[in-house]
C-alpha atoms as a PDB file:
ATOM      1  CA  MET A   1     119.730 101.928 121.369  1.00  0.00           C
ATOM      2  CA  GLN A   2     119.111  99.121 123.790  1.00  0.00           C
ATOM      3  CA  ARG A   3     118.252  99.471 127.449  1.00  0.00           C
ATOM      4  CA  LYS A   4     118.532  96.906 130.173  1.00  0.00           C
ATOM      5  CA  LEU A   5     115.401  95.959 132.029  1.00  0.00           C
ATOM      6  CA  THR A   6     114.965  93.897 135.220  1.00  0.00           C
ATOM      7  CA  ILE A   7     111.748  91.979 135.517  1.00  0.00           C
ATOM      8  CA  THR A   8     110.342  89.525 138.097  1.00  0.00           C
ATOM      9  CA  ILE A   9     108.623  86.354 136.983  1.00  0.00           C
ATOM     10  CA  ASP A  10     107.491  83.130 138.542  1.00  0.00           C
ATOM     11  CA  GLU A  11     110.381  80.611 138.783  1.00  0.00           C
ATOM     12  CA  LYS A  12     108.523  77.955 136.738  1.00  0.00           C
ATOM     13  CA  ILE A  13     108.028  80.477 133.937  1.00  0.00           C
ATOM     14  CA  TYR A  14     111.718  81.348 133.940  1.00  0.00           C
ATOM     15  CA  GLU A  15     112.705  77.735 133.899  1.00  0.00           C
ATOM     16  CA  GLY A  16     110.282  77.109 131.036  1.00  0.00           C
ATOM     17  CA  LEU A  17     111.739  80.083 129.062  1.00  0.00           C
ATOM     18  CA  GLN A  18     115.235  78.665 129.566  1.00  0.00           C
ATOM     19  CA  MET A  19     114.190  75.242 128.537  1.00  0.00           C
ATOM     20  CA  VAL A  20     112.092  76.190 125.490  1.00  0.00           C
ATOM     21  CA  ILE A  21     113.637  79.434 124.291  1.00  0.00           C
ATOM     22  CA  GLY A  22     117.228  79.030 125.553  1.00  0.00           C
ATOM     23  CA  PRO A  23     119.019  80.958 128.271  1.00  0.00           C
ATOM     24  CA  ARG A  24     120.700  83.456 125.919  1.00  0.00           C
ATOM     25  CA  ARG A  25     117.565  84.103 123.783  1.00  0.00           C
ATOM     26  CA  ILE A  26     115.020  85.182 126.271  1.00  0.00           C
ATOM     27  CA  SER A  27     115.418  88.919 125.848  1.00  0.00           C
ATOM     28  CA  LYS A  28     114.845  88.763 122.071  1.00  0.00           C
ATOM     29  CA  PHE A  29     111.864  86.451 122.547  1.00  0.00           C
ATOM     30  CA  LEU A  30     110.206  88.789 125.076  1.00  0.00           C
ATOM     31  CA  GLU A  31     111.025  91.876 122.916  1.00  0.00           C
ATOM     32  CA  ALA A  32     109.472  90.117 119.841  1.00  0.00           C
ATOM     33  CA  LEU A  33     106.275  89.475 122.026  1.00  0.00           C
ATOM     34  CA  ALA A  34     106.086  93.017 123.286  1.00  0.00           C
ATOM     35  CA  ARG A  35     106.801  94.854 120.066  1.00  0.00           C
ATOM     36  CA  PRO A  36     103.445  94.686 118.306  1.00  0.00           C
ATOM     37  CA  HIS A  37     101.679  95.799 121.544  1.00  0.00           C
ATOM     38  CA  VAL A  38     103.780  98.906 122.130  1.00  0.00           C
ATOM     39  CA  LEU A  39     104.847  99.964 118.642  1.00  0.00           C
ATOM     40  CA  GLY A  40     101.416 100.255 117.072  1.00  0.00           C
ATOM     41  CA  HIS A  41     102.377 103.052 114.653  1.00  0.00           C
ATOM     42  CA  ASP A  42     104.753 100.701 112.738  1.00  0.00           C
ATOM     43  CA  LEU A  43     101.621  98.621 111.929  1.00  0.00           C
ATOM     44  CA  GLU A  44     100.358 101.209 109.428  1.00  0.00           C
ATOM     45  CA  ALA A  45     103.732 101.281 107.660  1.00  0.00           C
ATOM     46  CA  ALA A  46     103.752  97.485 107.594  1.00  0.00           C
ATOM     47  CA  TYR A  47     100.274  97.419 105.954  1.00  0.00           C
ATOM     48  CA  GLN A  48     101.303 100.032 103.354  1.00  0.00           C
ATOM     49  CA  SER A  49     104.423  97.962 102.544  1.00  0.00           C
ATOM     50  CA  MET A  50     102.305  94.811 102.090  1.00  0.00           C
ATOM     51  CA  ALA A  51      99.803  96.586  99.894  1.00  0.00           C
ATOM     52  CA  GLN A  52     102.628  97.620  97.581  1.00  0.00           C
ATOM     53  CA  ASP A  53     103.574  93.974  97.128  1.00  0.00           C
ATOM     54  CA  GLU A  54     101.614  93.163  93.920  1.00  0.00           C
ATOM     55  CA  THR A  55     102.257  89.469  94.017  1.00  0.00           C
ATOM     56  CA  ARG A  56     100.994  89.193  97.572  1.00  0.00           C
ATOM     57  CA  GLU A  57      97.925  91.270  96.818  1.00  0.00           C
ATOM     58  CA  ARG A  58      97.043  89.233  93.769  1.00  0.00           C
ATOM     59  CA  GLU A  59      97.380  86.006  95.814  1.00  0.00           C
ATOM     60  CA  ALA A  60      95.295  87.490  98.566  1.00  0.00           C
ATOM     61  CA  ALA A  61      92.545  88.502  96.114  1.00  0.00           C
ATOM     62  CA  GLU A  62      92.595  85.023  94.491  1.00  0.00           C
ATOM     63  CA  TRP A  63      92.203  83.423  97.913  1.00  0.00           C
ATOM     64  CA  SER A  64      89.429  85.735  98.931  1.00  0.00           C
ATOM     65  CA  GLU A  65      87.520  85.181  95.699  1.00  0.00           C
ATOM     66  CA  ALA A  66      87.938  81.398  96.052  1.00  0.00           C
ATOM     67  CA  LEU A  67      86.132  81.668  99.491  1.00  0.00           C
ATOM     68  CA  ILE A  68      82.956  82.868  97.853  1.00  0.00           C
ATOM     69  CA  GLY A  69      82.536  79.460  96.171  1.00  0.00           C
ATOM     70  CA  ASP A  70      82.669  77.895  99.612  1.00  0.00           C
ATOM     71  CA  VAL A  71      79.502  79.646 100.923  1.00  0.00           C
ATOM     72  CA  GLU A  72      77.572  79.894  97.590  1.00  0.00           C
ATOM     73  CA  ASP A  73      75.832  76.577  98.160  1.00  0.00           C
ATOM     74  CA  ASP A  74      75.333  76.857 101.957  1.00  0.00           C
ATOM     75  CA  PRO A  75      71.651  76.640 102.904  1.00  0.00           C
ATOM     76  CA  ARG A  76      70.264  79.741 104.507  1.00  0.00           C
END
């Protein structure tokens, strides 16, 4: 369900949003910005979903292991 919200912002910000995002896309843009800050409980589900992706996990492990070589020779 969607709800209508009225907000007040600086005129220059509004003009910038219209110019960069587009006049009919501002609501979706602002919603996408706000979503991760107000729907934190979805974050856990997203992490669980990512962990079940075996290809992604394998690539992440390979990337992580490759980083060890970058610091092996660093002077201490």
